[in-house]
PDB file of N, CA and C in Angstrom:
ATOM      1  N   UNK A   1     165.809 -84.402  91.201  1.00  0.00           N
ATOM      2  CA  UNK A   1     166.434 -83.434  90.232  1.00  0.00           C
ATOM      3  C   UNK A   1     166.470 -82.134  91.183  1.00  0.00           C
ATOM      4  N   UNK A   2     167.790 -81.541  90.920  1.00  0.00           N
ATOM      5  CA  UNK A   2     167.584 -80.337  91.900  1.00  0.00           C
ATOM      6  C   UNK A   2     167.053 -79.023  91.037  1.00  0.00           C
ATOM      7  N   UNK A   3     167.112 -77.821  91.722  1.00  0.00           N
ATOM      8  CA  UNK A   3     166.362 -76.694  91.144  1.00  0.00           C
ATOM      9  C   UNK A   3     167.446 -76.266  90.086  1.00  0.00           C
ATOM     10  N   UNK A   4     168.743 -76.307  90.253  1.00  0.00           N
ATOM     11  CA  UNK A   4     169.713 -75.634  89.042  1.00  0.00           C
ATOM     12  C   UNK A   4     169.418 -76.658  87.926  1.00  0.00           C
ATOM     13  N   UNK A   5     169.390 -77.622  87.988  1.00  0.00           N
ATOM     14  CA  UNK A   5     169.059 -78.484  86.669  1.00  0.00           C
ATOM     15  C   UNK A   5     167.746 -78.025  86.132  1.00  0.00           C
ATOM     16  N   UNK A   6     166.580 -78.009  86.785  1.00  0.00           N
ATOM     17  CA  UNK A   6     165.541 -77.847  86.513  1.00  0.00           C
ATOM     18  C   UNK A   6     165.427 -76.403  85.519  1.00  0.00           C
ATOM     19  N   UNK A   7     166.252 -75.408  86.236  1.00  0.00           N
ATOM     20  CA  UNK A   7     166.341 -74.021  85.525  1.00  0.00           C
ATOM     21  C   UNK A   7     167.092 -74.019  84.234  1.00  0.00           C
ATOM     22  N   UNK A   8     168.098 -74.757  84.250  1.00  0.00           N
ATOM     23  CA  UNK A   8     168.892 -74.875  83.012  1.00  0.00           C
ATOM     24  C   UNK A   8     168.447 -75.543  81.951  1.00  0.00           C
ATOM     25  N   UNK A   9     167.326 -76.248  82.162  1.00  0.00           N
ATOM     26  CA  UNK A   9     166.494 -77.045  81.128  1.00  0.00           C
ATOM     27  C   UNK A   9     167.282 -78.412  80.807  1.00  0.00           C
ATOM     28  N   UNK A  10     168.081 -78.880  81.895  1.00  0.00           N
ATOM     29  CA  UNK A  10     168.534 -80.372  81.553  1.00  0.00           C
ATOM     30  C   UNK A  10     167.243 -81.412  81.972  1.00  0.00           C
ATOM     31  N   UNK A  11     167.451 -82.247  80.982  1.00  0.00           N
ATOM     32  CA  UNK A  11     166.742 -83.390  81.276  1.00  0.00           C
ATOM     33  C   UNK A  11     167.241 -84.690  81.949  1.00  0.00           C
ATOM     34  N   UNK A  12     166.644 -85.480  82.766  1.00  0.00           N
ATOM     35  CA  UNK A  12     167.165 -86.435  83.370  1.00  0.00           C
ATOM     36  C   UNK A  12     167.459 -87.452  82.385  1.00  0.00           C
ATOM     37  N   UNK A  13     168.652 -88.716  82.520  1.00  0.00           N
ATOM     38  CA  UNK A  13     168.960 -89.508  81.610  1.00  0.00           C
ATOM     39  C   UNK A  13     168.822 -90.804  82.625  1.00  0.00           C
ATOM     40  N   UNK A  14     167.907 -91.571  81.845  1.00  0.00           N
ATOM     41  CA  UNK A  14     167.545 -92.936  82.913  1.00  0.00           C
ATOM     42  C   UNK A  14     168.821 -93.709  83.204  1.00  0.00           C
ATOM     43  N   UNK A  15     169.719 -93.961  82.101  1.00  0.00           N
ATOM     44  CA  UNK A  15     171.249 -94.493  82.447  1.00  0.00           C
ATOM     45  C   UNK A  15     171.850 -93.946  83.648  1.00  0.00           C
ATOM     46  N   UNK A  16     172.132 -92.652  83.545  1.00  0.00           N
ATOM     47  CA  UNK A  16     172.920 -91.892  84.319  1.00  0.00           C
ATOM     48  C   UNK A  16     172.325 -91.876  85.746  1.00  0.00           C
ATOM     49  N   UNK A  17     170.938 -91.495  85.872  1.00  0.00           N
ATOM     50  CA  UNK A  17     170.355 -91.926  87.260  1.00  0.00           C
ATOM     51  C   UNK A  17     170.506 -93.275  87.551  1.00  0.00           C
ATOM     52  N   UNK A  18     170.391 -94.217  86.788  1.00  0.00           N
ATOM     53  CA  UNK A  18     170.585 -95.676  87.421  1.00  0.00           C
ATOM     54  C   UNK A  18     171.932 -95.843  88.000  1.00  0.00           C
ATOM     55  N   UNK A  19     172.822 -95.405  87.061  1.00  0.00           N
ATOM     56  CA  UNK A  19     174.362 -96.043  87.477  1.00  0.00           C
ATOM     57  C   UNK A  19     174.909 -95.104  88.644  1.00  0.00           C
ATOM     58  N   UNK A  20     174.129 -93.918  88.976  1.00  0.00           N
ATOM     59  CA  UNK A  20     174.656 -93.035  89.847  1.00  0.00           C
ATOM     60  C   UNK A  20     173.859 -93.598  91.325  1.00  0.00           C
ATOM     61  N   UNK A  21     173.109 -94.356  91.231  1.00  0.00           N
ATOM     62  CA  UNK A  21     172.771 -95.013  92.520  1.00  0.00           C
ATOM     63  C   UNK A  21     173.922 -95.790  93.119  1.00  0.00           C
ATOM     64  N   UNK A  22     174.256 -95.545  94.242  1.00  0.00           N
ATOM     65  CA  UNK A  22     175.059 -96.470  95.023  1.00  0.00           C
ATOM     66  C   UNK A  22     174.502 -98.098  95.257  1.00  0.00           C
ATOM     67  N   UNK A  23     173.186 -98.042  95.099  1.00  0.00           N
ATOM     68  CA  UNK A  23     172.759 -99.406  95.449  1.00  0.00           C
ATOM     69  C   UNK A  23     173.027-100.302  94.213  1.00  0.00           C
ATOM     70  N   UNK A  24     172.818 -99.836  93.080  1.00  0.00           N
ATOM     71  CA  UNK A  24     172.991-100.583  91.924  1.00  0.00           C
ATOM     72  C   UNK A  24     174.576-100.958  91.979  1.00  0.00           C
ATOM     73  N   UNK A  25     175.424 -99.806  92.103  1.00  0.00           N
ATOM     74  CA  UNK A  25     176.842 -99.842  92.032  1.00  0.00           C
ATOM     75  C   UNK A  25     177.361-100.848  92.977  1.00  0.00           C
ATOM     76  N   UNK A  26     176.786-101.035  93.976  1.00  0.00           N
ATOM     77  CA  UNK A  26     177.147-102.014  95.234  1.00  0.00           C
ATOM     78  C   UNK A  26     176.743-103.174  94.731  1.00  0.00           C
ATOM     79  N   UNK A  27     175.600-103.487  94.245  1.00  0.00           N
ATOM     80  CA  UNK A  27     175.189-104.755  93.945  1.00  0.00           C
ATOM     81  C   UNK A  27     175.950-105.371  92.872  1.00  0.00           C
ATOM     82  N   UNK A  28     176.184-104.536  91.678  1.00  0.00           N
ATOM     83  CA  UNK A  28     177.375-104.907  90.683  1.00  0.00           C
ATOM     84  C   UNK A  28     178.567-105.248  91.341  1.00  0.00           C
ATOM     85  N   UNK A  29     179.242-104.338  92.382  1.00  0.00           N
ATOM     86  CA  UNK A  29     180.743-104.764  92.967  1.00  0.00           C
ATOM     87  C   UNK A  29     180.441-106.153  93.655  1.00  0.00           C
ATOM     88  N   UNK A  30     179.381-106.422  94.541  1.00  0.00           N
ATOM     89  CA  UNK A  30     179.153-107.490  95.123  1.00  0.00           C
ATOM     90  C   UNK A  30     179.013-108.888  94.190  1.00  0.00           C
ATOM     91  N   UNK A  31     178.287-108.769  93.104  1.00  0.00           N
ATOM     92  CA  UNK A  31     178.373-109.853  91.963  1.00  0.00           C
ATOM     93  C   UNK A  31     179.970-110.177  91.725  1.00  0.00           C
ATOM     94  N   UNK A  32     180.681-109.043  91.289  1.00  0.00           N
ATOM     95  CA  UNK A  32     181.938-109.313  91.034  1.00  0.00           C
ATOM     96  C   UNK A  32     182.790-109.994  92.062  1.00  0.00           C
ATOM     97  N   UNK A  33     182.576-109.629  93.235  1.00  0.00           N
ATOM     98  CA  UNK A  33     183.216-110.034  94.376  1.00  0.00           C
ATOM     99  C   UNK A  33     183.013-111.635  94.640  1.00  0.00           C
ATOM    100  N   UNK A  34     181.674-111.931  94.584  1.00  0.00           N
ATOM    101  CA  UNK A  34     181.145-113.231  94.857  1.00  0.00           C
ATOM    102  C   UNK A  34     181.812-114.379  93.581  1.00  0.00           C
ATOM    103  N   UNK A  35     181.903-113.916  92.427  1.00  0.00           N
ATOM    104  CA  UNK A  35     182.177-114.188  91.328  1.00  0.00           C
ATOM    105  C   UNK A  35     183.760-114.682  91.524  1.00  0.00           C
ATOM    106  N   UNK A  36     184.459-114.030  92.468  1.00  0.00           N
ATOM    107  CA  UNK A  36     186.165-113.861  92.550  1.00  0.00           C
ATOM    108  C   UNK A  36     187.046-113.191  91.772  1.00  0.00           C
ATOM    109  N   UNK A  37     186.363-112.340  91.229  1.00  0.00           N
ATOM    110  CA  UNK A  37     187.108-111.343  90.582  1.00  0.00           C
ATOM    111  C   UNK A  37     188.012-110.190  91.603  1.00  0.00           C
ATOM    112  N   UNK A  38     189.263-110.508  91.137  1.00  0.00           N
ATOM    113  CA  UNK A  38     190.128-109.685  92.017  1.00  0.00           C
ATOM    114  C   UNK A  38     190.200-108.454  91.378  1.00  0.00           C
ATOM    115  N   UNK A  39     190.643-107.414  92.307  1.00  0.00           N
ATOM    116  CA  UNK A  39     190.759-105.846  91.668  1.00  0.00           C
ATOM    117  C   UNK A  39     191.919-105.854  90.447  1.00  0.00           C
ATOM    118  N   UNK A  40     192.872-106.980  90.664  1.00  0.00           N
ATOM    119  CA  UNK A  40     193.941-106.952  89.664  1.00  0.00           C
ATOM    120  C   UNK A  40     193.620-107.447  88.504  1.00  0.00           C
ATOM    121  N   UNK A  41     192.306-108.230  88.096  1.00  0.00           N
ATOM    122  CA  UNK A  41     191.894-108.675  87.163  1.00  0.00           C
ATOM    123  C   UNK A  41     190.687-108.268  86.833  1.00  0.00           C
ATOM    124  N   UNK A  42     190.440-106.643  87.303  1.00  0.00           N
ATOM    125  CA  UNK A  42     189.078-106.076  87.037  1.00  0.00           C
ATOM    126  C   UNK A  42     188.738-106.145  85.598  1.00  0.00           C
ATOM    127  N   UNK A  43     189.760-105.599  84.525  1.00  0.00           N
ATOM    128  CA  UNK A  43     189.145-105.475  83.182  1.00  0.00           C
ATOM    129  C   UNK A  43     188.643-106.987  82.675  1.00  0.00           C
ATOM    130  N   UNK A  44     189.142-107.987  83.048  1.00  0.00           N
ATOM    131  CA  UNK A  44     188.259-109.268  82.848  1.00  0.00           C
ATOM    132  C   UNK A  44     186.592-109.331  83.134  1.00  0.00           C
ATOM    133  N   UNK A  45     186.395-108.650  84.006  1.00  0.00           N
ATOM    134  CA  UNK A  45     185.024-108.476  84.380  1.00  0.00           C
ATOM    135  C   UNK A  45     184.339-107.346  83.714  1.00  0.00           C
ATOM    136  N   UNK A  46     184.722-106.642  83.051  1.00  0.00           N
ATOM    137  CA  UNK A  46     183.906-105.734  82.289  1.00  0.00           C
ATOM    138  C   UNK A  46     183.084-106.115  80.894  1.00  0.00           C
ATOM    139  N   UNK A  47     182.202-105.369  80.553  1.00  0.00           N
ATOM    140  CA  UNK A  47     181.680-106.008  79.308  1.00  0.00           C
ATOM    141  C   UNK A  47     182.703-105.248  78.255  1.00  0.00           C
ATOM    142  N   UNK A  48     182.651-105.673  77.050  1.00  0.00           N
ATOM    143  CA  UNK A  48     183.246-105.458  75.860  1.00  0.00           C
ATOM    144  C   UNK A  48     182.713-104.207  75.486  1.00  0.00           C
ATOM    145  N   UNK A  49     183.645-102.839  75.260  1.00  0.00           N
ATOM    146  CA  UNK A  49     183.431-101.885  74.553  1.00  0.00           C
ATOM    147  C   UNK A  49     184.003-101.012  73.833  1.00  0.00           C
ATOM    148  N   UNK A  50     183.804-100.132  72.917  1.00  0.00           N
ATOM    149  CA  UNK A  50     184.928 -99.660  72.142  1.00  0.00           C
ATOM    150  C   UNK A  50     185.215-100.395  70.817  1.00  0.00           C
ATOM    151  N   UNK A  51     186.399-100.234  70.331  1.00  0.00           N
ATOM    152  CA  UNK A  51     187.126-100.589  69.235  1.00  0.00           C
ATOM    153  C   UNK A  51     186.976-102.094  68.983  1.00  0.00           C
ATOM    154  N   UNK A  52     187.131-102.866  70.240  1.00  0.00           N
ATOM    155  CA  UNK A  52     187.108-104.412  70.385  1.00  0.00           C
ATOM    156  C   UNK A  52     185.449-104.612  69.819  1.00  0.00           C
ATOM    157  N   UNK A  53     184.487-104.322  70.122  1.00  0.00           N
ATOM    158  CA  UNK A  53     183.454-104.462  69.968  1.00  0.00           C
ATOM    159  C   UNK A  53     182.740-103.924  68.496  1.00  0.00           C
ATOM    160  N   UNK A  54     183.406-102.778  68.225  1.00  0.00           N
ATOM    161  CA  UNK A  54     182.897-102.465  66.672  1.00  0.00           C
ATOM    162  C   UNK A  54     183.713-103.385  65.752  1.00  0.00           C
ATOM    163  N   UNK A  55     184.882-103.740  66.166  1.00  0.00           N
ATOM    164  CA  UNK A  55     185.575-104.856  65.015  1.00  0.00           C
ATOM    165  C   UNK A  55     184.483-106.122  65.053  1.00  0.00           C
ATOM    166  N   UNK A  56     184.147-106.734  65.964  1.00  0.00           N
ATOM    167  CA  UNK A  56     183.276-107.863  65.835  1.00  0.00           C
ATOM    168  C   UNK A  56     182.017-107.417  65.541  1.00  0.00           C
ATOM    169  N   UNK A  57     181.687-106.393  65.384  1.00  0.00           N
ATOM    170  CA  UNK A  57     180.106-105.903  64.710  1.00  0.00           C
ATOM    171  C   UNK A  57     180.244-105.729  63.759  1.00  0.00           C
ATOM    172  N   UNK A  58     181.397-105.556  62.777  1.00  0.00           N
ATOM    173  CA  UNK A  58     181.634-105.504  61.373  1.00  0.00           C
ATOM    174  C   UNK A  58     181.833-106.729  60.798  1.00  0.00           C
ATOM    175  N   UNK A  59     181.751-108.030  61.611  1.00  0.00           N
ATOM    176  CA  UNK A  59     182.124-109.155  60.947  1.00  0.00           C
ATOM    177  C   UNK A  59     180.880-109.709  60.090  1.00  0.00           C
ATOM    178  N   UNK A  60     181.045-110.143  59.009  1.00  0.00           N
ATOM    179  CA  UNK A  60     179.920-110.549  58.117  1.00  0.00           C
ATOM    180  C   UNK A  60     179.867-112.253  58.028  1.00  0.00           C
ATOM    181  N   UNK A  61     178.580-112.575  57.913  1.00  0.00           N
ATOM    182  CA  UNK A  61     178.495-113.815  57.794  1.00  0.00           C
ATOM    183  C   UNK A  61     178.627-114.333  56.554  1.00  0.00           C
ATOM    184  N   UNK A  62     178.992-115.532  56.045  1.00  0.00           N
ATOM    185  CA  UNK A  62     179.359-116.241  54.924  1.00  0.00           C
ATOM    186  C   UNK A  62     178.080-117.275  54.309  1.00  0.00           C
ATOM    187  N   UNK A  63     177.016-116.975  55.175  1.00  0.00           N
ATOM    188  CA  UNK A  63     175.678-117.905  54.781  1.00  0.00           C
ATOM    189  C   UNK A  63     174.982-117.547  53.762  1.00  0.00           C
TER     190      UNK A  63
END
């Protein structure tokens, strides 16, 4: 963490630090390339988030 962040009272966020690492991002990109995911089909390889996930999360069971 740099000195400016320390002085401003910002706290590190583990997820932010994890995904700002080029090693992790490189590994994720390599996995997608090895799986044959082209850049044209990039959205297919993403995890679902947002409205689509919220809709499925609201589903109720009839059991």
